[in-house]
């Protein structure tokens, strides 16, 4: 019982830190969850999060989810107070499709990048401006909810060049 309470406290602390930190291209936020030994846990970190400044009532979001743990996890949904809905899109073979969930393999990562997997924010309540942050909640099957702050970048932002 005491070990469960300690694990819950550690997870809560990690999630609170996630909500307070920035998630720009050079920063990361992390959450740890799961049960059993270190090889039986999904240990997730989120980095390189950003949203290009939207020009309409829809926007895209990009980030990288890394799983350094020994158990797979799955991104089951994404929510944000900024949008009426946020959907996960997978790009394979040059075609894009909305997916209900996206696996995050053990000792692997999922990259959301322009031209590839991405988040789609529909029915924006307002258009966020460059320099603001948009908070999103990533919902995972094993790790629960992880909040990430996505900085809004220029509409033409390229993470490779930083412009």
C-alpha atoms as a PDB file:
ATOM      1  CA  UNK A   1       0.000   0.000   0.000  1.00  0.00           C
ATOM      2  CA  UNK A   2       2.819   2.400   0.930  1.00  0.00           C
ATOM      3  CA  UNK A   3       4.641   1.612  -2.359  1.00  0.00           C
ATOM      4  CA  UNK A   4       1.450   2.408  -4.314  1.00  0.00           C
ATOM      5  CA  UNK A   5       1.078   5.721  -2.496  1.00  0.00           C
ATOM      6  CA  UNK A   6       4.708   6.622  -3.212  1.00  0.00           C
ATOM      7  CA  UNK A   7       4.261   5.742  -6.908  1.00  0.00           C
ATOM      8  CA  UNK A   8       1.098   7.816  -7.122  1.00  0.00           C
ATOM      9  CA  UNK A   9       2.855  10.762  -5.463  1.00  0.00           C
ATOM     10  CA  UNK A  10       5.768  10.509  -7.914  1.00  0.00           C
ATOM     11  CA  UNK A  11       3.393  10.367 -10.885  1.00  0.00           C
ATOM     12  CA  UNK A  12       1.387  13.332  -9.597  1.00  0.00           C
ATOM     13  CA  UNK A  13       4.595  15.338  -9.133  1.00  0.00           C
ATOM     14  CA  UNK A  14       5.764  14.497 -12.643  1.00  0.00           C
ATOM     15  CA  UNK A  15       2.426  15.514 -14.125  1.00  0.00           C
ATOM     16  CA  UNK A  16       2.397  18.791 -12.200  1.00  0.00           C
ATOM     17  CA  UNK A  17       5.897  19.603 -13.414  1.00  0.00           C
ATOM     18  CA  UNK A  18       4.811  18.781 -16.946  1.00  0.00           C
ATOM     19  CA  UNK A  19       2.086  21.404 -16.812  1.00  0.00           C
ATOM     20  CA  UNK A  20       4.429  24.078 -15.490  1.00  0.00           C
ATOM     21  CA  UNK A  21       7.425  23.609 -17.784  1.00  0.00           C
ATOM     22  CA  UNK A  22       7.801  24.909 -21.296  1.00  0.00           C
ATOM     23  CA  UNK A  23       7.747  22.492 -24.168  1.00  0.00           C
ATOM     24  CA  UNK A  24       9.675  24.294 -26.829  1.00  0.00           C
ATOM     25  CA  UNK A  25      11.941  22.589 -29.314  1.00  0.00           C
ATOM     26  CA  UNK A  26      14.806  22.332 -26.845  1.00  0.00           C
ATOM     27  CA  UNK A  27      12.856  21.418 -23.733  1.00  0.00           C
ATOM     28  CA  UNK A  28      11.040  18.322 -22.582  1.00  0.00           C
ATOM     29  CA  UNK A  29       8.302  17.398 -20.206  1.00  0.00           C
ATOM     30  CA  UNK A  30       7.948  13.940 -18.767  1.00  0.00           C
ATOM     31  CA  UNK A  31       5.592  11.582 -17.024  1.00  0.00           C
ATOM     32  CA  UNK A  32       6.179   8.098 -15.739  1.00  0.00           C
ATOM     33  CA  UNK A  33       3.507   5.520 -15.227  1.00  0.00           C
ATOM     34  CA  UNK A  34       2.942   1.798 -15.222  1.00  0.00           C
ATOM     35  CA  UNK A  35       3.257  -1.028 -12.807  1.00  0.00           C
ATOM     36  CA  UNK A  36       5.898  -3.561 -11.988  1.00  0.00           C
ATOM     37  CA  UNK A  37       9.623  -3.185 -12.529  1.00  0.00           C
ATOM     38  CA  UNK A  38      11.322  -0.605 -14.752  1.00  0.00           C
ATOM     39  CA  UNK A  39      10.961  -2.890 -17.769  1.00  0.00           C
ATOM     40  CA  UNK A  40       7.180  -3.059 -17.250  1.00  0.00           C
ATOM     41  CA  UNK A  41       6.587   0.679 -17.364  1.00  0.00           C
ATOM     42  CA  UNK A  42       6.001   3.172 -20.092  1.00  0.00           C
ATOM     43  CA  UNK A  43       8.307   6.124 -19.396  1.00  0.00           C
ATOM     44  CA  UNK A  44       7.182   8.948 -21.638  1.00  0.00           C
ATOM     45  CA  UNK A  45       8.741  12.293 -22.453  1.00  0.00           C
ATOM     46  CA  UNK A  46       7.401  14.951 -24.784  1.00  0.00           C
ATOM     47  CA  UNK A  47       9.659  17.386 -26.626  1.00  0.00           C
ATOM     48  CA  UNK A  48       9.752  19.712 -29.625  1.00  0.00           C
ATOM     49  CA  UNK A  49       6.119  20.742 -29.200  1.00  0.00           C
ATOM     50  CA  UNK A  50       4.860  23.694 -31.244  1.00  0.00           C
ATOM     51  CA  UNK A  51       1.903  25.018 -33.209  1.00  0.00           C
ATOM     52  CA  UNK A  52       2.380  27.157 -36.312  1.00  0.00           C
ATOM     53  CA  UNK A  53       0.300  30.334 -35.982  1.00  0.00           C
ATOM     54  CA  UNK A  54      -3.054  29.472 -37.532  1.00  0.00           C
ATOM     55  CA  UNK A  55      -4.540  31.492 -40.387  1.00  0.00           C
ATOM     56  CA  UNK A  56      -8.047  29.988 -40.114  1.00  0.00           C
ATOM     57  CA  UNK A  57     -10.176  28.264 -37.489  1.00  0.00           C
ATOM     58  CA  UNK A  58      -8.036  25.108 -37.786  1.00  0.00           C
ATOM     59  CA  UNK A  59      -4.435  24.548 -36.788  1.00  0.00           C
ATOM     60  CA  UNK A  60      -1.821  21.820 -36.739  1.00  0.00           C
ATOM     61  CA  UNK A  61       0.329  20.743 -33.810  1.00  0.00           C
ATOM     62  CA  UNK A  62       3.650  18.960 -33.775  1.00  0.00           C
ATOM     63  CA  UNK A  63       5.710  17.222 -31.071  1.00  0.00           C
ATOM     64  CA  UNK A  64       7.754  14.136 -30.302  1.00  0.00           C
ATOM     65  CA  UNK A  65       6.724  11.478 -27.785  1.00  0.00           C
ATOM     66  CA  UNK A  66       9.553   9.229 -26.606  1.00  0.00           C
ATOM     67  CA  UNK A  67       9.050   6.074 -24.551  1.00  0.00           C
ATOM     68  CA  UNK A  68      12.200   5.067 -22.683  1.00  0.00           C
ATOM     69  CA  UNK A  69      10.360   2.335 -20.773  1.00  0.00           C
ATOM     70  CA  UNK A  70      10.005  -1.359 -21.420  1.00  0.00           C
ATOM     71  CA  UNK A  71       6.239  -1.309 -22.005  1.00  0.00           C
ATOM     72  CA  UNK A  72       4.356   0.079 -24.961  1.00  0.00           C
ATOM     73  CA  UNK A  73       1.703   2.729 -24.520  1.00  0.00           C
ATOM     74  CA  UNK A  74      -0.891   4.274 -26.777  1.00  0.00           C
ATOM     75  CA  UNK A  75      -1.970   7.866 -27.390  1.00  0.00           C
ATOM     76  CA  UNK A  76      -5.755   7.503 -27.248  1.00  0.00           C
ATOM     77  CA  UNK A  77      -6.886  11.134 -27.571  1.00  0.00           C
ATOM     78  CA  UNK A  78      -5.859  14.775 -27.287  1.00  0.00           C
ATOM     79  CA  UNK A  79      -7.875  17.645 -25.834  1.00  0.00           C
ATOM     80  CA  UNK A  80      -7.389  21.398 -25.574  1.00  0.00           C
ATOM     81  CA  UNK A  81      -9.522  24.246 -24.251  1.00  0.00           C
ATOM     82  CA  UNK A  82      -8.423  26.183 -27.349  1.00  0.00           C
ATOM     83  CA  UNK A  83     -10.331  23.985 -29.825  1.00  0.00           C
ATOM     84  CA  UNK A  84     -13.702  22.342 -30.252  1.00  0.00           C
ATOM     85  CA  UNK A  85     -11.863  19.112 -31.044  1.00  0.00           C
ATOM     86  CA  UNK A  86      -8.328  17.839 -31.504  1.00  0.00           C
ATOM     87  CA  UNK A  87      -7.748  14.794 -33.660  1.00  0.00           C
ATOM     88  CA  UNK A  88      -4.683  12.646 -34.273  1.00  0.00           C
ATOM     89  CA  UNK A  89      -3.683  12.161 -37.902  1.00  0.00           C
ATOM     90  CA  UNK A  90      -1.279   9.558 -39.200  1.00  0.00           C
ATOM     91  CA  UNK A  91       0.479   9.946 -42.531  1.00  0.00           C
ATOM     92  CA  UNK A  92       1.569   6.780 -44.311  1.00  0.00           C
ATOM     93  CA  UNK A  93       2.380   6.276 -47.956  1.00  0.00           C
ATOM     94  CA  UNK A  94       1.653   9.909 -48.728  1.00  0.00           C
ATOM     95  CA  UNK A  95      -1.916   9.818 -47.431  1.00  0.00           C
ATOM     96  CA  UNK A  96      -3.280  11.281 -44.225  1.00  0.00           C
ATOM     97  CA  UNK A  97      -5.981   9.689 -42.110  1.00  0.00           C
ATOM     98  CA  UNK A  98      -7.502  10.324 -38.713  1.00  0.00           C
ATOM     99  CA  UNK A  99      -6.789   7.541 -36.212  1.00  0.00           C
ATOM    100  CA  UNK A 100      -8.521   6.678 -32.948  1.00  0.00           C
ATOM    101  CA  UNK A 101      -5.199   5.834 -31.273  1.00  0.00           C
ATOM    102  CA  UNK A 102      -1.491   5.849 -32.054  1.00  0.00           C
ATOM    103  CA  UNK A 103       0.921   3.307 -30.531  1.00  0.00           C
ATOM    104  CA  UNK A 104       4.025   4.512 -28.693  1.00  0.00           C
ATOM    105  CA  UNK A 105       6.399   1.526 -28.742  1.00  0.00           C
ATOM    106  CA  UNK A 106       8.599   0.516 -25.815  1.00  0.00           C
ATOM    107  CA  UNK A 107      12.074   2.030 -26.276  1.00  0.00           C
ATOM    108  CA  UNK A 108      10.741   3.985 -29.260  1.00  0.00           C
ATOM    109  CA  UNK A 109       9.238   7.286 -30.255  1.00  0.00           C
ATOM    110  CA  UNK A 110       6.467   8.824 -32.312  1.00  0.00           C
ATOM    111  CA  UNK A 111       7.263  12.004 -34.222  1.00  0.00           C
ATOM    112  CA  UNK A 112       4.581  14.497 -35.218  1.00  0.00           C
ATOM    113  CA  UNK A 113       6.096  16.683 -37.963  1.00  0.00           C
ATOM    114  CA  UNK A 114       5.021  18.721 -40.967  1.00  0.00           C
ATOM    115  CA  UNK A 115       4.190  16.306 -43.796  1.00  0.00           C
ATOM    116  CA  UNK A 116       3.828  13.417 -41.334  1.00  0.00           C
ATOM    117  CA  UNK A 117       1.858  12.545 -38.216  1.00  0.00           C
ATOM    118  CA  UNK A 118       0.230  15.624 -36.708  1.00  0.00           C
ATOM    119  CA  UNK A 119      -2.451  16.919 -34.393  1.00  0.00           C
ATOM    120  CA  UNK A 120      -5.355  18.777 -35.993  1.00  0.00           C
ATOM    121  CA  UNK A 121      -7.114  21.458 -33.944  1.00  0.00           C
ATOM    122  CA  UNK A 122     -10.608  22.115 -35.317  1.00  0.00           C
ATOM    123  CA  UNK A 123     -13.049  24.913 -34.500  1.00  0.00           C
ATOM    124  CA  UNK A 124     -10.511  27.122 -32.727  1.00  0.00           C
ATOM    125  CA  UNK A 125     -12.194  29.324 -30.140  1.00  0.00           C
ATOM    126  CA  UNK A 126      -9.708  32.045 -31.098  1.00  0.00           C
ATOM    127  CA  UNK A 127      -6.560  32.182 -33.201  1.00  0.00           C
ATOM    128  CA  UNK A 128      -3.519  32.036 -30.905  1.00  0.00           C
ATOM    129  CA  UNK A 129      -0.724  34.438 -31.828  1.00  0.00           C
ATOM    130  CA  UNK A 130       2.991  33.828 -32.152  1.00  0.00           C
ATOM    131  CA  UNK A 131       4.611  33.890 -28.695  1.00  0.00           C
ATOM    132  CA  UNK A 132       1.567  32.491 -26.882  1.00  0.00           C
ATOM    133  CA  UNK A 133       1.260  28.943 -25.551  1.00  0.00           C
ATOM    134  CA  UNK A 134      -1.527  26.468 -26.219  1.00  0.00           C
ATOM    135  CA  UNK A 135      -2.051  23.813 -23.547  1.00  0.00           C
ATOM    136  CA  UNK A 136      -2.956  20.331 -24.723  1.00  0.00           C
ATOM    137  CA  UNK A 137      -3.733  17.211 -22.741  1.00  0.00           C
ATOM    138  CA  UNK A 138      -2.330  14.012 -24.223  1.00  0.00           C
ATOM    139  CA  UNK A 139      -4.342  11.006 -23.019  1.00  0.00           C
ATOM    140  CA  UNK A 140      -2.488   7.679 -22.902  1.00  0.00           C
ATOM    141  CA  UNK A 141      -3.865   4.187 -22.296  1.00  0.00           C
ATOM    142  CA  UNK A 142      -1.271   3.332 -19.593  1.00  0.00           C
ATOM    143  CA  UNK A 143       0.292   6.625 -18.527  1.00  0.00           C
ATOM    144  CA  UNK A 144      -2.874   8.650 -18.055  1.00  0.00           C
ATOM    145  CA  UNK A 145      -2.962  12.319 -19.027  1.00  0.00           C
ATOM    146  CA  UNK A 146       0.093  14.446 -19.725  1.00  0.00           C
ATOM    147  CA  UNK A 147      -0.330  18.204 -20.172  1.00  0.00           C
ATOM    148  CA  UNK A 148       1.994  19.932 -22.617  1.00  0.00           C
ATOM    149  CA  UNK A 149       2.375  23.617 -23.445  1.00  0.00           C
ATOM    150  CA  UNK A 150       2.855  24.166 -27.166  1.00  0.00           C
ATOM    151  CA  UNK A 151       4.455  27.486 -28.070  1.00  0.00           C
ATOM    152  CA  UNK A 152       2.849  29.184 -31.060  1.00  0.00           C
ATOM    153  CA  UNK A 153       5.488  29.836 -33.715  1.00  0.00           C
ATOM    154  CA  UNK A 154       5.414  31.754 -36.983  1.00  0.00           C
ATOM    155  CA  UNK A 155       3.210  30.134 -39.637  1.00  0.00           C
ATOM    156  CA  UNK A 156       6.379  29.419 -41.648  1.00  0.00           C
ATOM    157  CA  UNK A 157       8.412  28.070 -38.692  1.00  0.00           C
ATOM    158  CA  UNK A 158      10.871  25.306 -39.568  1.00  0.00           C
ATOM    159  CA  UNK A 159      12.249  23.443 -36.526  1.00  0.00           C
ATOM    160  CA  UNK A 160      15.361  22.388 -38.468  1.00  0.00           C
ATOM    161  CA  UNK A 161      16.433  26.014 -38.900  1.00  0.00           C
ATOM    162  CA  UNK A 162      14.697  27.477 -35.841  1.00  0.00           C
ATOM    163  CA  UNK A 163      12.935  30.057 -38.041  1.00  0.00           C
END
